Amino acid sequence: METIHVTLPDGSVKDVPKGTTAADIARGISPRLADDAFVAKVYSNNGTLTNFGEPVDDGGYLIDLRRPLEQDLKLKILTDKDPDSLFVFRHSAAHLLAAAVMELYPDVKLGIGPPVDTGFFYEFMREQPFTPDDLVKIEKKMHELAATRNPSRFLSASWSKKKLPSRWFPSTPPENL
């Protein structure tokens, strides 16, 4: 079986089978780290990483914990203490919001929906404004979709509001919905 070399932040190197996930490595380090992990960040060991999209500010690539690792790389497991985790949460939540709205209100036209410094939003075009009852339905649908555990589209079901830091949630309802 082909192995890859995964370098951890402390400089130690783990030789693991190709296809091992960041979640597998986190579990091997500590069950608590595996439970607290939100996302992984990978960096090149030799200057090139393939199929990772665009890098973030520090040159690393944010990846789903369940993505198979296929080449030698440096790996950092991110928890809620890392600012990149908050960005990933907000980005994914924006997609989840759009998916929930489209499922409930297929006639809605989508605008943009980026994460921002204070949370996330999505612009929707709809003949009638959303009501407070609509917002309750949308939030419920977001929870249902998150529970699908589809890593390519939505937040992991383990990213429940109970687990997430309360500082990530505004005390007032979103105004840009």
Protein backbone atom coordinates (compact mmCIF):
# COMPACT_ATOMS: atom_id res chain seq x y z
CA MET A 1 0.00 0.00 0.00
CA GLU A 2 1.31 3.43 -0.95
CA THR A 3 2.05 5.77 1.95
CA ILE A 4 2.28 9.53 2.22
CA HIS A 5 4.21 11.70 4.68
CA VAL A 6 2.09 14.09 6.72
CA THR A 7 4.03 16.72 8.67
CA LEU A 8 2.29 18.05 11.78
CA PRO A 9 2.72 21.55 13.29
CA ASP A 10 5.17 20.24 15.92
CA GLY A 11 7.43 18.97 13.11
CA SER A 12 6.67 15.29 13.63
CA VAL A 13 5.92 13.24 10.53
CA LYS A 14 3.24 10.57 10.26
CA ASP A 15 3.54 8.00 7.50
CA VAL A 16 -0.02 7.04 6.64
CA PRO A 17 -1.71 5.14 3.83
CA LYS A 18 -2.64 7.27 0.84
CA GLY A 19 -6.33 8.14 1.25
CA THR A 20 -6.15 8.67 5.00
CA THR A 21 -8.25 11.67 6.07
CA ALA A 22 -7.40 14.57 8.36
CA ALA A 23 -10.15 13.23 10.65
CA ASP A 24 -8.31 9.88 10.83
CA ILE A 25 -5.08 11.65 11.77
CA ALA A 26 -6.85 13.81 14.38
CA ARG A 27 -8.36 10.65 15.92
CA GLY A 28 -4.93 9.06 16.02
CA ILE A 29 -3.50 12.05 17.87
CA SER A 30 -6.29 12.43 20.41
CA PRO A 31 -10.01 11.65 20.65
CA ARG A 32 -10.52 15.16 22.04
CA LEU A 33 -8.80 16.75 19.05
CA ALA A 34 -10.99 14.67 16.75
CA ASP A 35 -14.11 15.85 18.60
CA ASP A 36 -13.01 19.50 18.56
CA ALA A 37 -11.81 19.55 14.93
CA PHE A 38 -13.76 21.71 12.47
CA VAL A 39 -11.63 21.81 9.37
CA ALA A 40 -8.10 21.03 8.24
CA LYS A 41 -5.52 23.26 6.65
CA VAL A 42 -2.87 21.77 4.40
CA TYR A 43 0.37 23.22 3.09
CA SER A 44 2.85 21.97 0.56
CA ASN A 45 5.92 20.04 1.67
CA ASN A 46 7.66 20.65 -1.65
CA GLY A 47 6.07 23.69 -3.28
CA THR A 48 3.12 22.15 -5.11
CA LEU A 49 -0.24 20.83 -4.01
CA THR A 50 -2.68 19.65 -6.64
CA ASN A 51 -6.47 19.92 -6.70
CA PHE A 52 -6.89 22.15 -3.67
CA GLY A 53 -8.31 25.32 -5.25
CA GLU A 54 -7.17 28.74 -4.11
CA PRO A 55 -4.98 29.16 -1.03
CA VAL A 56 -5.94 31.33 1.94
CA ASP A 57 -3.81 34.27 3.09
CA ASP A 58 -0.99 32.22 4.61
CA GLY A 59 -0.64 29.91 1.58
CA GLY A 60 -2.52 27.01 3.15
CA TYR A 61 -5.64 25.33 1.78
CA LEU A 62 -8.74 24.72 3.89
CA ILE A 63 -10.17 21.24 3.38
CA ASP A 64 -12.96 19.11 4.78
CA LEU A 65 -11.78 16.76 7.52
CA ARG A 66 -13.17 13.83 5.52
CA ARG A 67 -11.24 14.56 2.34
CA PRO A 68 -8.76 11.78 1.51
CA LEU A 69 -5.14 12.93 1.54
CA GLU A 70 -3.35 11.82 -1.60
CA GLN A 71 0.12 13.40 -1.41
CA ASP A 72 2.85 14.44 1.02
CA LEU A 73 1.86 17.62 2.85
CA LYS A 74 1.86 19.62 6.05
CA LEU A 75 -1.35 19.33 8.04
CA LYS A 76 -2.92 21.48 10.72
CA ILE A 77 -6.18 20.44 12.40
CA LEU A 78 -8.24 23.53 13.17
CA THR A 79 -10.65 23.87 16.08
CA ASP A 80 -13.04 26.67 17.01
CA LYS A 81 -10.07 28.60 18.40
CA ASP A 82 -8.73 29.24 14.89
CA PRO A 83 -10.14 32.19 12.91
CA ASP A 84 -10.17 30.11 9.71
CA SER A 85 -12.72 27.78 11.32
CA LEU A 86 -15.09 30.68 11.80
CA PHE A 87 -14.68 31.70 8.15
CA VAL A 88 -15.42 28.14 7.00
CA PHE A 89 -18.46 27.96 9.27
CA ARG A 90 -19.83 31.24 7.93
CA HIS A 91 -19.12 30.32 4.32
CA SER A 92 -20.82 26.94 4.70
CA ALA A 93 -23.73 28.46 6.60
CA ALA A 94 -24.34 30.91 3.75
CA HIS A 95 -24.55 28.00 1.29
CA LEU A 96 -26.80 26.13 3.67
CA LEU A 97 -29.09 29.16 3.96
CA ALA A 98 -29.37 29.44 0.18
CA ALA A 99 -30.11 25.73 -0.19
CA ALA A 100 -32.81 25.86 2.50
CA VAL A 101 -34.48 28.91 0.95
CA MET A 102 -34.39 27.38 -2.54
CA GLU A 103 -35.93 24.16 -1.28
CA LEU A 104 -38.72 25.95 0.58
CA TYR A 105 -39.29 28.76 -1.93
CA PRO A 106 -38.21 27.56 -5.39
CA ASP A 107 -39.36 30.81 -7.04
CA VAL A 108 -36.74 32.85 -5.16
CA LYS A 109 -33.83 34.25 -7.16
CA LEU A 110 -30.42 34.16 -5.52
CA GLY A 111 -28.06 37.10 -5.24
CA ILE A 112 -24.72 36.90 -3.49
CA GLY A 113 -24.08 35.23 -0.15
CA PRO A 114 -20.64 35.76 1.28
CA PRO A 115 -19.26 35.36 4.76
CA VAL A 116 -18.48 38.74 6.33
CA ASP A 117 -16.65 39.85 9.47
CA THR A 118 -19.85 39.81 11.53
CA GLY A 119 -21.44 36.62 10.17
CA PHE A 120 -22.88 35.84 6.76
CA PHE A 121 -25.80 36.85 4.60
CA TYR A 122 -27.52 36.01 1.37
CA GLU A 123 -29.40 38.32 -0.94
CA PHE A 124 -32.71 36.96 -2.20
CA MET A 125 -35.14 38.40 -4.71
CA ARG A 126 -38.74 37.50 -3.89
CA GLU A 127 -42.04 39.24 -4.54
CA GLN A 128 -43.09 39.03 -0.89
CA PRO A 129 -40.69 39.75 1.97
CA PHE A 130 -39.84 36.92 4.33
CA THR A 131 -41.94 36.86 7.48
CA PRO A 132 -40.87 35.80 10.98
CA ASP A 133 -42.69 32.48 10.36
CA ASP A 134 -40.68 32.04 7.14
CA LEU A 135 -37.46 32.56 9.08
CA VAL A 136 -38.44 29.81 11.53
CA LYS A 137 -39.12 27.43 8.60
CA ILE A 138 -35.82 28.37 6.96
CA GLU A 139 -33.83 27.74 10.13
CA LYS A 140 -35.54 24.37 10.61
CA LYS A 141 -34.74 23.40 7.00
CA MET A 142 -31.12 24.47 7.50
CA HIS A 143 -30.86 22.07 10.47
CA GLU A 144 -32.41 19.28 8.39
CA LEU A 145 -29.98 19.86 5.53
CA ALA A 146 -26.99 20.03 7.87
CA ALA A 147 -28.02 16.65 9.27
CA THR A 148 -27.63 15.09 5.82
CA ARG A 149 -23.88 15.03 6.48
CA ASN A 150 -23.12 15.73 2.84
CA PRO A 151 -19.52 16.99 3.10
CA SER A 152 -19.45 18.43 -0.38
CA ARG A 153 -22.42 20.74 0.26
CA PHE A 154 -23.16 21.42 3.89
CA LEU A 155 -21.83 21.65 7.38
CA SER A 156 -21.27 18.41 9.18
CA ALA A 157 -24.15 17.46 11.45
CA SER A 158 -21.65 17.62 14.30
CA TRP A 159 -21.55 21.40 13.81
CA SER A 160 -24.64 21.88 15.90
CA LYS A 161 -25.29 25.16 17.68
CA LYS A 162 -24.72 23.32 20.97
CA LYS A 163 -21.13 22.50 20.01
CA LEU A 164 -20.25 25.79 18.34
CA PRO A 165 -18.92 28.66 20.42
CA SER A 166 -21.67 31.08 21.42
CA ARG A 167 -19.48 33.98 20.27
CA TRP A 168 -20.13 32.82 16.69
CA PHE A 169 -23.84 33.55 16.93
CA PRO A 170 -25.33 37.03 16.91
CA SER A 171 -27.72 37.88 19.73
CA THR A 172 -30.15 39.47 17.27
CA PRO A 173 -31.71 37.83 14.21
CA PRO A 174 -29.99 38.38 10.85
CA GLU A 175 -31.21 41.50 9.14
CA ASN A 176 -30.05 40.67 5.65
CA LEU A 177 -32.24 37.64 5.16
